[in-house]
Amino acid sequence: MRDYVSLGSAPYGEECAQVGEENYAQRAIKECKRFIQLIRSVFGPEPDGAKLSVKAFNHDFGTYYEVVCYFDEESPKAIEYAFKCEEHVPERWTE
Protein backbone atom coordinates (compact mmCIF):
# COMPACT_ATOMS: atom_id res chain seq x y z
CA MET A 1 0.00 0.00 0.00
CA ARG A 2 1.14 3.55 -0.70
CA ASP A 3 1.09 6.41 1.79
CA TYR A 4 2.78 9.81 1.95
CA VAL A 5 4.25 12.43 4.26
CA SER A 6 3.88 16.16 3.59
CA LEU A 7 7.11 18.16 3.51
CA GLY A 8 5.78 21.67 2.85
CA SER A 9 6.09 23.88 -0.19
CA ALA A 10 9.50 25.40 0.60
CA PRO A 11 12.12 25.23 3.36
CA TYR A 12 10.32 26.10 6.59
CA GLY A 13 12.58 29.07 7.34
CA GLU A 14 11.87 30.77 4.01
CA GLU A 15 9.02 32.84 2.56
CA CYS A 16 6.79 30.98 0.12
CA ALA A 17 3.94 31.66 -2.30
CA GLN A 18 0.60 32.18 -0.56
CA VAL A 19 -2.85 31.04 -1.68
CA GLY A 20 -4.71 34.02 -3.11
CA GLU A 21 -1.65 35.83 -4.41
CA GLU A 22 -1.43 36.64 -8.10
CA ASN A 23 -0.24 33.64 -10.17
CA TYR A 24 -0.17 31.54 -7.00
CA ALA A 25 -0.53 28.14 -8.67
CA GLN A 26 2.29 28.68 -11.17
CA ARG A 27 4.59 30.18 -8.54
CA ALA A 28 3.82 27.50 -5.95
CA ILE A 29 4.36 24.61 -8.35
CA LYS A 30 7.69 26.10 -9.49
CA GLU A 31 8.70 26.58 -5.86
CA CYS A 32 7.74 23.00 -4.99
CA LYS A 33 9.80 21.63 -7.88
CA ARG A 34 12.79 23.64 -6.67
CA PHE A 35 12.19 22.26 -3.16
CA ILE A 36 12.22 18.70 -4.54
CA GLN A 37 15.63 19.40 -6.10
CA LEU A 38 16.92 20.70 -2.76
CA ILE A 39 15.60 17.66 -0.88
CA ARG A 40 17.28 15.33 -3.38
CA SER A 41 20.55 17.24 -3.06
CA VAL A 42 20.42 16.85 0.74
CA PHE A 43 19.11 13.27 1.05
CA GLY A 44 19.97 11.76 -2.32
CA PRO A 45 17.60 10.31 -4.88
CA GLU A 46 14.56 8.39 -3.74
CA PRO A 47 15.06 4.64 -3.28
CA ASP A 48 12.73 2.17 -4.98
CA GLY A 49 9.28 2.53 -3.46
CA ALA A 50 9.62 6.26 -2.67
CA LYS A 51 8.79 9.26 -4.85
CA LEU A 52 8.96 13.01 -4.21
CA SER A 53 6.11 14.80 -5.93
CA VAL A 54 4.00 17.97 -5.94
CA LYS A 55 0.50 17.33 -4.56
CA ALA A 56 -2.55 19.60 -4.71
CA PHE A 57 -4.71 19.93 -1.60
CA ASN A 58 -8.19 21.47 -1.46
CA HIS A 59 -8.87 24.08 1.21
CA ASP A 60 -11.66 26.56 1.96
CA PHE A 61 -9.45 29.34 0.57
CA GLY A 62 -8.55 27.43 -2.60
CA THR A 63 -6.18 24.76 -3.83
CA TYR A 64 -2.67 24.81 -2.38
CA TYR A 65 0.43 22.80 -3.29
CA GLU A 66 3.02 20.99 -1.22
CA VAL A 67 5.84 18.54 -1.74
CA VAL A 68 5.06 15.06 -0.52
CA CYS A 69 7.09 11.90 -0.34
CA TYR A 70 5.04 8.91 -1.37
CA PHE A 71 6.30 5.62 0.02
CA ASP A 72 5.46 1.95 -0.26
CA GLU A 73 4.49 0.72 3.19
CA GLU A 74 6.09 -2.63 2.33
CA SER A 75 9.52 -1.10 1.63
CA PRO A 76 11.71 -0.37 4.67
CA LYS A 77 14.10 1.77 2.57
CA ALA A 78 11.22 3.85 1.18
CA ILE A 79 9.74 4.34 4.66
CA GLU A 80 13.13 5.33 6.08
CA TYR A 81 13.73 7.84 3.28
CA ALA A 82 10.28 9.44 3.62
CA PHE A 83 10.52 9.89 7.38
CA LYS A 84 14.14 11.10 7.22
CA CYS A 85 12.97 13.80 4.78
CA GLU A 86 10.09 14.72 7.09
CA GLU A 87 12.19 14.81 10.27
CA HIS A 88 15.10 16.73 8.76
CA VAL A 89 13.44 18.87 6.08
CA PRO A 90 15.77 21.73 5.08
CA GLU A 91 15.25 25.06 6.84
CA ARG A 92 16.85 27.25 4.15
CA TRP A 93 17.34 27.18 0.37
CA THR A 94 21.10 27.22 0.91
CA GLU A 95 21.34 23.85 2.70
C-alpha atoms as a PDB file:
ATOM      1  CA  MET A   1       0.000   0.000   0.000  1.00  0.00           C
ATOM      2  CA  ARG A   2       1.136   3.553  -0.697  1.00  0.00           C
ATOM      3  CA  ASP A   3       1.091   6.407   1.789  1.00  0.00           C
ATOM      4  CA  TYR A   4       2.781   9.809   1.950  1.00  0.00           C
ATOM      5  CA  VAL A   5       4.246  12.426   4.260  1.00  0.00           C
ATOM      6  CA  SER A   6       3.876  16.161   3.589  1.00  0.00           C
ATOM      7  CA  LEU A   7       7.111  18.159   3.515  1.00  0.00           C
ATOM      8  CA  GLY A   8       5.785  21.668   2.855  1.00  0.00           C
ATOM      9  CA  SER A   9       6.094  23.876  -0.193  1.00  0.00           C
ATOM     10  CA  ALA A  10       9.502  25.397   0.600  1.00  0.00           C
ATOM     11  CA  PRO A  11      12.117  25.227   3.355  1.00  0.00           C
ATOM     12  CA  TYR A  12      10.321  26.095   6.592  1.00  0.00           C
ATOM     13  CA  GLY A  13      12.577  29.074   7.337  1.00  0.00           C
ATOM     14  CA  GLU A  14      11.868  30.772   4.006  1.00  0.00           C
ATOM     15  CA  GLU A  15       9.022  32.839   2.557  1.00  0.00           C
ATOM     16  CA  CYS A  16       6.793  30.977   0.115  1.00  0.00           C
ATOM     17  CA  ALA A  17       3.945  31.660  -2.300  1.00  0.00           C
ATOM     18  CA  GLN A  18       0.595  32.179  -0.560  1.00  0.00           C
ATOM     19  CA  VAL A  19      -2.852  31.044  -1.676  1.00  0.00           C
ATOM     20  CA  GLY A  20      -4.714  34.019  -3.113  1.00  0.00           C
ATOM     21  CA  GLU A  21      -1.646  35.828  -4.407  1.00  0.00           C
ATOM     22  CA  GLU A  22      -1.434  36.642  -8.103  1.00  0.00           C
ATOM     23  CA  ASN A  23      -0.239  33.643 -10.165  1.00  0.00           C
ATOM     24  CA  TYR A  24      -0.168  31.539  -6.996  1.00  0.00           C
ATOM     25  CA  ALA A  25      -0.530  28.135  -8.674  1.00  0.00           C
ATOM     26  CA  GLN A  26       2.289  28.676 -11.174  1.00  0.00           C
ATOM     27  CA  ARG A  27       4.588  30.175  -8.539  1.00  0.00           C
ATOM     28  CA  ALA A  28       3.818  27.502  -5.954  1.00  0.00           C
ATOM     29  CA  ILE A  29       4.360  24.607  -8.349  1.00  0.00           C
ATOM     30  CA  LYS A  30       7.686  26.096  -9.495  1.00  0.00           C
ATOM     31  CA  GLU A  31       8.698  26.585  -5.856  1.00  0.00           C
ATOM     32  CA  CYS A  32       7.740  23.001  -4.993  1.00  0.00           C
ATOM     33  CA  LYS A  33       9.800  21.631  -7.880  1.00  0.00           C
ATOM     34  CA  ARG A  34      12.788  23.637  -6.666  1.00  0.00           C
ATOM     35  CA  PHE A  35      12.189  22.264  -3.158  1.00  0.00           C
ATOM     36  CA  ILE A  36      12.223  18.698  -4.537  1.00  0.00           C
ATOM     37  CA  GLN A  37      15.627  19.404  -6.097  1.00  0.00           C
ATOM     38  CA  LEU A  38      16.917  20.702  -2.756  1.00  0.00           C
ATOM     39  CA  ILE A  39      15.598  17.661  -0.884  1.00  0.00           C
ATOM     40  CA  ARG A  40      17.280  15.326  -3.382  1.00  0.00           C
ATOM     41  CA  SER A  41      20.550  17.237  -3.055  1.00  0.00           C
ATOM     42  CA  VAL A  42      20.419  16.845   0.743  1.00  0.00           C
ATOM     43  CA  PHE A  43      19.111  13.269   1.054  1.00  0.00           C
ATOM     44  CA  GLY A  44      19.971  11.760  -2.321  1.00  0.00           C
ATOM     45  CA  PRO A  45      17.598  10.309  -4.885  1.00  0.00           C
ATOM     46  CA  GLU A  46      14.563   8.387  -3.736  1.00  0.00           C
ATOM     47  CA  PRO A  47      15.056   4.639  -3.280  1.00  0.00           C
ATOM     48  CA  ASP A  48      12.732   2.167  -4.975  1.00  0.00           C
ATOM     49  CA  GLY A  49       9.276   2.533  -3.462  1.00  0.00           C
ATOM     50  CA  ALA A  50       9.616   6.258  -2.666  1.00  0.00           C
ATOM     51  CA  LYS A  51       8.793   9.257  -4.850  1.00  0.00           C
ATOM     52  CA  LEU A  52       8.964  13.007  -4.213  1.00  0.00           C
ATOM     53  CA  SER A  53       6.111  14.803  -5.932  1.00  0.00           C
ATOM     54  CA  VAL A  54       3.998  17.966  -5.943  1.00  0.00           C
ATOM     55  CA  LYS A  55       0.498  17.333  -4.565  1.00  0.00           C
ATOM     56  CA  ALA A  56      -2.546  19.602  -4.708  1.00  0.00           C
ATOM     57  CA  PHE A  57      -4.711  19.929  -1.596  1.00  0.00           C
ATOM     58  CA  ASN A  58      -8.187  21.472  -1.456  1.00  0.00           C
ATOM     59  CA  HIS A  59      -8.872  24.076   1.210  1.00  0.00           C
ATOM     60  CA  ASP A  60     -11.664  26.562   1.962  1.00  0.00           C
ATOM     61  CA  PHE A  61      -9.449  29.337   0.565  1.00  0.00           C
ATOM     62  CA  GLY A  62      -8.555  27.430  -2.603  1.00  0.00           C
ATOM     63  CA  THR A  63      -6.179  24.759  -3.828  1.00  0.00           C
ATOM     64  CA  TYR A  64      -2.674  24.811  -2.377  1.00  0.00           C
ATOM     65  CA  TYR A  65       0.427  22.805  -3.289  1.00  0.00           C
ATOM     66  CA  GLU A  66       3.023  20.987  -1.221  1.00  0.00           C
ATOM     67  CA  VAL A  67       5.841  18.544  -1.744  1.00  0.00           C
ATOM     68  CA  VAL A  68       5.057  15.065  -0.515  1.00  0.00           C
ATOM     69  CA  CYS A  69       7.093  11.904  -0.339  1.00  0.00           C
ATOM     70  CA  TYR A  70       5.036   8.905  -1.375  1.00  0.00           C
ATOM     71  CA  PHE A  71       6.296   5.623   0.016  1.00  0.00           C
ATOM     72  CA  ASP A  72       5.464   1.953  -0.264  1.00  0.00           C
ATOM     73  CA  GLU A  73       4.486   0.724   3.195  1.00  0.00           C
ATOM     74  CA  GLU A  74       6.091  -2.630   2.332  1.00  0.00           C
ATOM     75  CA  SER A  75       9.524  -1.095   1.633  1.00  0.00           C
ATOM     76  CA  PRO A  76      11.715  -0.371   4.672  1.00  0.00           C
ATOM     77  CA  LYS A  77      14.096   1.771   2.572  1.00  0.00           C
ATOM     78  CA  ALA A  78      11.216   3.847   1.184  1.00  0.00           C
ATOM     79  CA  ILE A  79       9.744   4.338   4.658  1.00  0.00           C
ATOM     80  CA  GLU A  80      13.132   5.325   6.080  1.00  0.00           C
ATOM     81  CA  TYR A  81      13.729   7.843   3.281  1.00  0.00           C
ATOM     82  CA  ALA A  82      10.283   9.444   3.621  1.00  0.00           C
ATOM     83  CA  PHE A  83      10.523   9.893   7.376  1.00  0.00           C
ATOM     84  CA  LYS A  84      14.136  11.100   7.218  1.00  0.00           C
ATOM     85  CA  CYS A  85      12.968  13.798   4.784  1.00  0.00           C
ATOM     86  CA  GLU A  86      10.093  14.715   7.086  1.00  0.00           C
ATOM     87  CA  GLU A  87      12.195  14.809  10.265  1.00  0.00           C
ATOM     88  CA  HIS A  88      15.105  16.728   8.759  1.00  0.00           C
ATOM     89  CA  VAL A  89      13.441  18.868   6.083  1.00  0.00           C
ATOM     90  CA  PRO A  90      15.765  21.731   5.083  1.00  0.00           C
ATOM     91  CA  GLU A  91      15.254  25.064   6.837  1.00  0.00           C
ATOM     92  CA  ARG A  92      16.852  27.246   4.145  1.00  0.00           C
ATOM     93  CA  TRP A  93      17.344  27.179   0.367  1.00  0.00           C
ATOM     94  CA  THR A  94      21.105  27.218   0.909  1.00  0.00           C
ATOM     95  CA  GLU A  95      21.336  23.853   2.700  1.00  0.00           C
END
